[in-house]
Amino acid sequence: KHLVMGTGFTWDTQDREKDIAAAEAVWS
């Protein structure tokens, strides 16, 4: 089983809210 956050590096997204949402989603 392989789960990936999928947003890439923080310097690529440059979107804190999007990163937090993605982190919370994969952690859940």
PDB file of all heavy atoms in Angstrom:
ATOM      1  N   LYS A   1       0.869  -1.192   0.000  1.00  0.00           N
ATOM      2  CA  LYS A   1       0.000   0.000   0.000  1.00  0.00           C
ATOM      3  C   LYS A   1       0.895   1.228   0.000  1.00  0.00           C
ATOM      4  O   LYS A   1       1.811   1.340   0.807  1.00  0.00           O
ATOM      5  CB  LYS A   1      -0.906   0.005   1.223  1.00  0.00           C
ATOM      6  CG  LYS A   1      -1.957   1.111   1.165  1.00  0.00           C
ATOM      7  CD  LYS A   1      -3.010   0.923   2.222  1.00  0.00           C
ATOM      8  CE  LYS A   1      -4.146   1.917   2.080  1.00  0.00           C
ATOM      9  NZ  LYS A   1      -4.945   1.704   0.872  1.00  0.00           N
ATOM     10  N   HIS A   2       0.631   2.158  -0.917  1.00  0.00           N
ATOM     11  CA  HIS A   2       1.526   3.303  -1.098  1.00  0.00           C
ATOM     12  C   HIS A   2       0.702   4.579  -1.219  1.00  0.00           C
ATOM     13  O   HIS A   2      -0.051   4.745  -2.185  1.00  0.00           O
ATOM     14  CB  HIS A   2       2.369   3.088  -2.358  1.00  0.00           C
ATOM     15  CG  HIS A   2       3.500   4.045  -2.493  1.00  0.00           C
ATOM     16  ND1 HIS A   2       4.255   4.139  -3.628  1.00  0.00           N
ATOM     17  CD2 HIS A   2       4.014   4.953  -1.641  1.00  0.00           C
ATOM     18  CE1 HIS A   2       5.186   5.066  -3.475  1.00  0.00           C
ATOM     19  NE2 HIS A   2       5.049   5.577  -2.276  1.00  0.00           N
ATOM     20  N   LEU A   3       0.831   5.447  -0.238  1.00  0.00           N
ATOM     21  CA  LEU A   3       0.126   6.728  -0.241  1.00  0.00           C
ATOM     22  C   LEU A   3       1.134   7.840  -0.477  1.00  0.00           C
ATOM     23  O   LEU A   3       2.211   7.838   0.108  1.00  0.00           O
ATOM     24  CB  LEU A   3      -0.573   6.950   1.106  1.00  0.00           C
ATOM     25  CG  LEU A   3      -1.536   5.856   1.569  1.00  0.00           C
ATOM     26  CD1 LEU A   3      -2.026   6.144   2.976  1.00  0.00           C
ATOM     27  CD2 LEU A   3      -2.705   5.730   0.601  1.00  0.00           C
ATOM     28  N   VAL A   4       0.772   8.795  -1.322  1.00  0.00           N
ATOM     29  CA  VAL A   4       1.677   9.899  -1.657  1.00  0.00           C
ATOM     30  C   VAL A   4       0.954  11.221  -1.460  1.00  0.00           C
ATOM     31  O   VAL A   4      -0.182  11.400  -1.920  1.00  0.00           O
ATOM     32  CB  VAL A   4       2.173   9.794  -3.113  1.00  0.00           C
ATOM     33  CG1 VAL A   4       3.135  10.930  -3.441  1.00  0.00           C
ATOM     34  CG2 VAL A   4       2.839   8.453  -3.365  1.00  0.00           C
ATOM     35  N   MET A   5       1.620  12.150  -0.784  1.00  0.00           N
ATOM     36  CA  MET A   5       1.025  13.469  -0.544  1.00  0.00           C
ATOM     37  C   MET A   5       0.722  14.170  -1.871  1.00  0.00           C
ATOM     38  O   MET A   5      -0.319  14.788  -2.036  1.00  0.00           O
ATOM     39  CB  MET A   5       1.976  14.304   0.314  1.00  0.00           C
ATOM     40  CG  MET A   5       1.424  15.651   0.729  1.00  0.00           C
ATOM     41  SD  MET A   5       2.473  16.376   2.008  1.00  0.00           S
ATOM     42  CE  MET A   5       2.132  18.104   1.775  1.00  0.00           C
ATOM     43  N   GLY A   6       1.652  14.074  -2.829  1.00  0.00           N
ATOM     44  CA  GLY A   6       1.360  14.492  -4.193  1.00  0.00           C
ATOM     45  C   GLY A   6       1.486  15.956  -4.538  1.00  0.00           C
ATOM     46  O   GLY A   6       1.170  16.351  -5.655  1.00  0.00           O
ATOM     47  N   THR A   7       1.966  16.778  -3.615  1.00  0.00           N
ATOM     48  CA  THR A   7       2.083  18.208  -3.924  1.00  0.00           C
ATOM     49  C   THR A   7       3.497  18.616  -4.303  1.00  0.00           C
ATOM     50  O   THR A   7       3.714  19.728  -4.768  1.00  0.00           O
ATOM     51  CB  THR A   7       1.641  19.060  -2.720  1.00  0.00           C
ATOM     52  OG1 THR A   7       2.397  18.669  -1.576  1.00  0.00           O
ATOM     53  CG2 THR A   7       0.161  18.893  -2.453  1.00  0.00           C
ATOM     54  N   GLY A   8       4.466  17.743  -4.086  1.00  0.00           N
ATOM     55  CA  GLY A   8       5.846  18.090  -4.405  1.00  0.00           C
ATOM     56  C   GLY A   8       6.505  18.860  -3.286  1.00  0.00           C
ATOM     57  O   GLY A   8       6.047  18.862  -2.142  1.00  0.00           O
ATOM     58  N   PHE A   9       7.605  19.514  -3.603  1.00  0.00           N
ATOM     59  CA  PHE A   9       8.356  20.269  -2.605  1.00  0.00           C
ATOM     60  C   PHE A   9       7.638  21.575  -2.261  1.00  0.00           C
ATOM     61  O   PHE A   9       6.921  22.143  -3.097  1.00  0.00           O
ATOM     62  CB  PHE A   9       9.765  20.578  -3.125  1.00  0.00           C
ATOM     63  CG  PHE A   9      10.578  19.340  -3.379  1.00  0.00           C
ATOM     64  CD1 PHE A   9      10.808  18.889  -4.663  1.00  0.00           C
ATOM     65  CD2 PHE A   9      11.096  18.602  -2.319  1.00  0.00           C
ATOM     66  CE1 PHE A   9      11.556  17.751  -4.902  1.00  0.00           C
ATOM     67  CE2 PHE A   9      11.839  17.456  -2.546  1.00  0.00           C
ATOM     68  CZ  PHE A   9      12.066  17.027  -3.842  1.00  0.00           C
ATOM     69  N   THR A  10       7.848  22.050  -1.043  1.00  0.00           N
ATOM     70  CA  THR A  10       7.169  23.271  -0.601  1.00  0.00           C
ATOM     71  C   THR A  10       7.526  24.469  -1.471  1.00  0.00           C
ATOM     72  O   THR A  10       6.715  25.368  -1.649  1.00  0.00           O
ATOM     73  CB  THR A  10       7.523  23.583   0.861  1.00  0.00           C
ATOM     74  OG1 THR A  10       8.946  23.590   0.994  1.00  0.00           O
ATOM     75  CG2 THR A  10       6.942  22.552   1.795  1.00  0.00           C
ATOM     76  N   TRP A  11       8.745  24.481  -2.015  1.00  0.00           N
ATOM     77  CA  TRP A  11       9.137  25.608  -2.854  1.00  0.00           C
ATOM     78  C   TRP A  11       8.505  25.520  -4.248  1.00  0.00           C
ATOM     79  O   TRP A  11       8.536  26.481  -5.002  1.00  0.00           O
ATOM     80  CB  TRP A  11      10.661  25.711  -2.969  1.00  0.00           C
ATOM     81  CG  TRP A  11      11.332  24.480  -3.512  1.00  0.00           C
ATOM     82  CD1 TRP A  11      11.475  24.113  -4.811  1.00  0.00           C
ATOM     83  CD2 TRP A  11      11.967  23.465  -2.743  1.00  0.00           C
ATOM     84  NE1 TRP A  11      12.147  22.925  -4.909  1.00  0.00           N
ATOM     85  CE2 TRP A  11      12.478  22.496  -3.649  1.00  0.00           C
ATOM     86  CE3 TRP A  11      12.165  23.261  -1.367  1.00  0.00           C
ATOM     87  CZ2 TRP A  11      13.152  21.354  -3.238  1.00  0.00           C
ATOM     88  CZ3 TRP A  11      12.837  22.121  -0.960  1.00  0.00           C
ATOM     89  CH2 TRP A  11      13.325  21.186  -1.883  1.00  0.00           C
ATOM     90  N   ASP A  12       7.942  24.354  -4.581  1.00  0.00           N
ATOM     91  CA  ASP A  12       7.231  24.224  -5.856  1.00  0.00           C
ATOM     92  C   ASP A  12       5.793  24.715  -5.735  1.00  0.00           C
ATOM     93  O   ASP A  12       5.295  25.428  -6.604  1.00  0.00           O
ATOM     94  CB  ASP A  12       7.225  22.766  -6.321  1.00  0.00           C
ATOM     95  CG  ASP A  12       8.590  22.304  -6.809  1.00  0.00           C
ATOM     96  OD1 ASP A  12       9.353  23.159  -7.301  1.00  0.00           O
ATOM     97  OD2 ASP A  12       8.894  21.109  -6.683  1.00  0.00           O
ATOM     98  N   THR A  13       5.106  24.329  -4.678  1.00  0.00           N
ATOM     99  CA  THR A  13       3.705  24.716  -4.532  1.00  0.00           C
ATOM    100  C   THR A  13       3.558  26.182  -4.170  1.00  0.00           C
ATOM    101  O   THR A  13       2.679  26.869  -4.688  1.00  0.00           O
ATOM    102  CB  THR A  13       3.013  23.883  -3.440  1.00  0.00           C
ATOM    103  OG1 THR A  13       3.641  24.146  -2.180  1.00  0.00           O
ATOM    104  CG2 THR A  13       3.083  22.401  -3.738  1.00  0.00           C
ATOM    105  N   GLN A  14       4.387  26.630  -3.244  1.00  0.00           N
ATOM    106  CA  GLN A  14       4.331  28.020  -2.752  1.00  0.00           C
ATOM    107  C   GLN A  14       2.934  28.382  -2.254  1.00  0.00           C
ATOM    108  O   GLN A  14       2.482  29.520  -2.367  1.00  0.00           O
ATOM    109  CB  GLN A  14       4.801  28.993  -3.853  1.00  0.00           C
ATOM    110  CG  GLN A  14       6.214  28.722  -4.311  1.00  0.00           C
ATOM    111  CD  GLN A  14       6.655  29.592  -5.460  1.00  0.00           C
ATOM    112  OE1 GLN A  14       6.090  30.658  -5.717  1.00  0.00           O
ATOM    113  NE2 GLN A  14       7.684  29.155  -6.168  1.00  0.00           N
ATOM    114  N   ASP A  15       2.247  27.383  -1.730  1.00  0.00           N
ATOM    115  CA  ASP A  15       0.868  27.559  -1.276  1.00  0.00           C
ATOM    116  C   ASP A  15       0.704  26.819   0.051  1.00  0.00           C
ATOM    117  O   ASP A  15       0.441  25.618   0.071  1.00  0.00           O
ATOM    118  CB  ASP A  15      -0.094  27.015  -2.324  1.00  0.00           C
ATOM    119  CG  ASP A  15      -1.556  27.301  -1.999  1.00  0.00           C
ATOM    120  OD1 ASP A  15      -1.896  27.442  -0.804  1.00  0.00           O
ATOM    121  OD2 ASP A  15      -2.370  27.369  -2.941  1.00  0.00           O
ATOM    122  N   ARG A  16       0.857  27.540   1.145  1.00  0.00           N
ATOM    123  CA  ARG A  16       0.843  26.919   2.469  1.00  0.00           C
ATOM    124  C   ARG A  16      -0.479  26.201   2.768  1.00  0.00           C
ATOM    125  O   ARG A  16      -0.486  25.084   3.276  1.00  0.00           O
ATOM    126  CB  ARG A  16       1.125  27.976   3.542  1.00  0.00           C
ATOM    127  CG  ARG A  16       1.109  27.439   4.961  1.00  0.00           C
ATOM    128  CD  ARG A  16       1.488  28.525   5.974  1.00  0.00           C
ATOM    129  NE  ARG A  16       1.239  28.065   7.330  1.00  0.00           N
ATOM    130  CZ  ARG A  16       2.035  27.251   8.005  1.00  0.00           C
ATOM    131  NH1 ARG A  16       3.136  26.796   7.435  1.00  0.00           N
ATOM    132  NH2 ARG A  16       1.741  26.886   9.235  1.00  0.00           N
ATOM    133  N   GLU A  17      -1.585  26.842   2.450  1.00  0.00           N
ATOM    134  CA  GLU A  17      -2.884  26.237   2.747  1.00  0.00           C
ATOM    135  C   GLU A  17      -3.088  24.941   1.963  1.00  0.00           C
ATOM    136  O   GLU A  17      -3.615  23.956   2.485  1.00  0.00           O
ATOM    137  CB  GLU A  17      -4.004  27.234   2.430  1.00  0.00           C
ATOM    138  CG  GLU A  17      -4.003  28.467   3.330  1.00  0.00           C
ATOM    139  CD  GLU A  17      -4.006  28.109   4.809  1.00  0.00           C
ATOM    140  OE1 GLU A  17      -4.814  27.252   5.206  1.00  0.00           O
ATOM    141  OE2 GLU A  17      -3.192  28.670   5.558  1.00  0.00           O
ATOM    142  N   LYS A  18      -2.665  24.947   0.709  1.00  0.00           N
ATOM    143  CA  LYS A  18      -2.774  23.746  -0.113  1.00  0.00           C
ATOM    144  C   LYS A  18      -1.894  22.628   0.465  1.00  0.00           C
ATOM    145  O   LYS A  18      -2.306  21.462   0.509  1.00  0.00           O
ATOM    146  CB  LYS A  18      -2.358  24.060  -1.550  1.00  0.00           C
ATOM    147  CG  LYS A  18      -2.443  22.865  -2.486  1.00  0.00           C
ATOM    148  CD  LYS A  18      -2.020  23.256  -3.896  1.00  0.00           C
ATOM    149  CE  LYS A  18      -2.048  22.050  -4.838  1.00  0.00           C
ATOM    150  NZ  LYS A  18      -1.592  22.405  -6.193  1.00  0.00           N
ATOM    151  N   ASP A  19      -0.692  22.978   0.909  1.00  0.00           N
ATOM    152  CA  ASP A  19       0.221  21.988   1.484  1.00  0.00           C
ATOM    153  C   ASP A  19      -0.343  21.397   2.777  1.00  0.00           C
ATOM    154  O   ASP A  19      -0.256  20.188   3.003  1.00  0.00           O
ATOM    155  CB  ASP A  19       1.587  22.619   1.764  1.00  0.00           C
ATOM    156  CG  ASP A  19       2.380  22.881   0.490  1.00  0.00           C
ATOM    157  OD1 ASP A  19       2.055  22.272  -0.548  1.00  0.00           O
ATOM    158  OD2 ASP A  19       3.322  23.687   0.536  1.00  0.00           O
ATOM    159  N   ILE A  20      -0.914  22.254   3.612  1.00  0.00           N
ATOM    160  CA  ILE A  20      -1.490  21.781   4.875  1.00  0.00           C
ATOM    161  C   ILE A  20      -2.646  20.830   4.593  1.00  0.00           C
ATOM    162  O   ILE A  20      -2.744  19.753   5.201  1.00  0.00           O
ATOM    163  CB  ILE A  20      -1.954  22.969   5.747  1.00  0.00           C
ATOM    164  CG1 ILE A  20      -0.739  23.745   6.271  1.00  0.00           C
ATOM    165  CG2 ILE A  20      -2.820  22.477   6.907  1.00  0.00           C
ATOM    166  CD1 ILE A  20      -1.098  25.026   6.993  1.00  0.00           C
ATOM    167  N   ALA A  21      -3.501  21.198   3.652  1.00  0.00           N
ATOM    168  CA  ALA A  21      -4.647  20.353   3.311  1.00  0.00           C
ATOM    169  C   ALA A  21      -4.181  19.002   2.771  1.00  0.00           C
ATOM    170  O   ALA A  21      -4.739  17.952   3.120  1.00  0.00           O
ATOM    171  CB  ALA A  21      -5.533  21.058   2.280  1.00  0.00           C
ATOM    172  N   ALA A  22      -3.140  19.019   1.937  1.00  0.00           N
ATOM    173  CA  ALA A  22      -2.622  17.772   1.374  1.00  0.00           C
ATOM    174  C   ALA A  22      -1.992  16.898   2.457  1.00  0.00           C
ATOM    175  O   ALA A  22      -2.163  15.675   2.463  1.00  0.00           O
ATOM    176  CB  ALA A  22      -1.604  18.085   0.283  1.00  0.00           C
ATOM    177  N   ALA A  23      -1.258  17.532   3.379  1.00  0.00           N
ATOM    178  CA  ALA A  23      -0.626  16.785   4.471  1.00  0.00           C
ATOM    179  C   ALA A  23      -1.684  16.146   5.364  1.00  0.00           C
ATOM    180  O   ALA A  23      -1.563  14.965   5.749  1.00  0.00           O
ATOM    181  CB  ALA A  23       0.272  17.715   5.294  1.00  0.00           C
ATOM    182  N   GLU A  24      -2.698  16.913   5.698  1.00  0.00           N
ATOM    183  CA  GLU A  24      -3.771  16.390   6.557  1.00  0.00           C
ATOM    184  C   GLU A  24      -4.529  15.262   5.862  1.00  0.00           C
ATOM    185  O   GLU A  24      -4.907  14.270   6.498  1.00  0.00           O
ATOM    186  CB  GLU A  24      -4.724  17.517   6.945  1.00  0.00           C
ATOM    187  CG  GLU A  24      -4.103  18.515   7.906  1.00  0.00           C
ATOM    188  CD  GLU A  24      -5.017  19.692   8.205  1.00  0.00           C
ATOM    189  OE1 GLU A  24      -5.991  19.920   7.438  1.00  0.00           O
ATOM    190  OE2 GLU A  24      -4.750  20.407   9.204  1.00  0.00           O
ATOM    191  N   ALA A  25      -4.713  15.387   4.548  1.00  0.00           N
ATOM    192  CA  ALA A  25      -5.450  14.367   3.795  1.00  0.00           C
ATOM    193  C   ALA A  25      -4.701  13.045   3.778  1.00  0.00           C
ATOM    194  O   ALA A  25      -5.277  11.980   4.031  1.00  0.00           O
ATOM    195  CB  ALA A  25      -5.705  14.853   2.372  1.00  0.00           C
ATOM    196  N   VAL A  26      -3.394  13.102   3.489  1.00  0.00           N
ATOM    197  CA  VAL A  26      -2.636  11.843   3.426  1.00  0.00           C
ATOM    198  C   VAL A  26      -2.439  11.259   4.831  1.00  0.00           C
ATOM    199  O   VAL A  26      -2.450  10.037   5.019  1.00  0.00           O
ATOM    200  CB  VAL A  26      -1.296  12.030   2.679  1.00  0.00           C
ATOM    201  CG1 VAL A  26      -0.259  12.746   3.538  1.00  0.00           C
ATOM    202  CG2 VAL A  26      -0.748  10.685   2.209  1.00  0.00           C
ATOM    203  N   TRP A  27      -2.292  12.124   5.835  1.00  0.00           N
ATOM    204  CA  TRP A  27      -2.159  11.628   7.204  1.00  0.00           C
ATOM    205  C   TRP A  27      -3.443  10.930   7.656  1.00  0.00           C
ATOM    206  O   TRP A  27      -3.395   9.894   8.326  1.00  0.00           O
ATOM    207  CB  TRP A  27      -1.787  12.755   8.164  1.00  0.00           C
ATOM    208  CG  TRP A  27      -1.785  12.335   9.609  1.00  0.00           C
ATOM    209  CD1 TRP A  27      -2.574  12.807  10.606  1.00  0.00           C
ATOM    210  CD2 TRP A  27      -0.957  11.335  10.209  1.00  0.00           C
ATOM    211  NE1 TRP A  27      -2.300  12.167  11.793  1.00  0.00           N
ATOM    212  CE2 TRP A  27      -1.309  11.253  11.580  1.00  0.00           C
ATOM    213  CE3 TRP A  27       0.048  10.494   9.730  1.00  0.00           C
ATOM    214  CZ2 TRP A  27      -0.694  10.376  12.467  1.00  0.00           C
ATOM    215  CZ3 TRP A  27       0.667   9.606  10.614  1.00  0.00           C
ATOM    216  CH2 TRP A  27       0.289   9.558  11.958  1.00  0.00           C
ATOM    217  N   SER A  28      -4.595  11.474   7.276  1.00  0.00           N
ATOM    218  CA  SER A  28      -5.868  10.848   7.663  1.00  0.00           C
ATOM    219  C   SER A  28      -5.996   9.450   7.062  1.00  0.00           C
ATOM    220  O   SER A  28      -6.626   8.564   7.649  1.00  0.00           O
ATOM    221  CB  SER A  28      -7.057  11.715   7.225  1.00  0.00           C
ATOM    222  OG  SER A  28      -7.204  11.710   5.821  1.00  0.00           O
TER     223      SER A  28
END
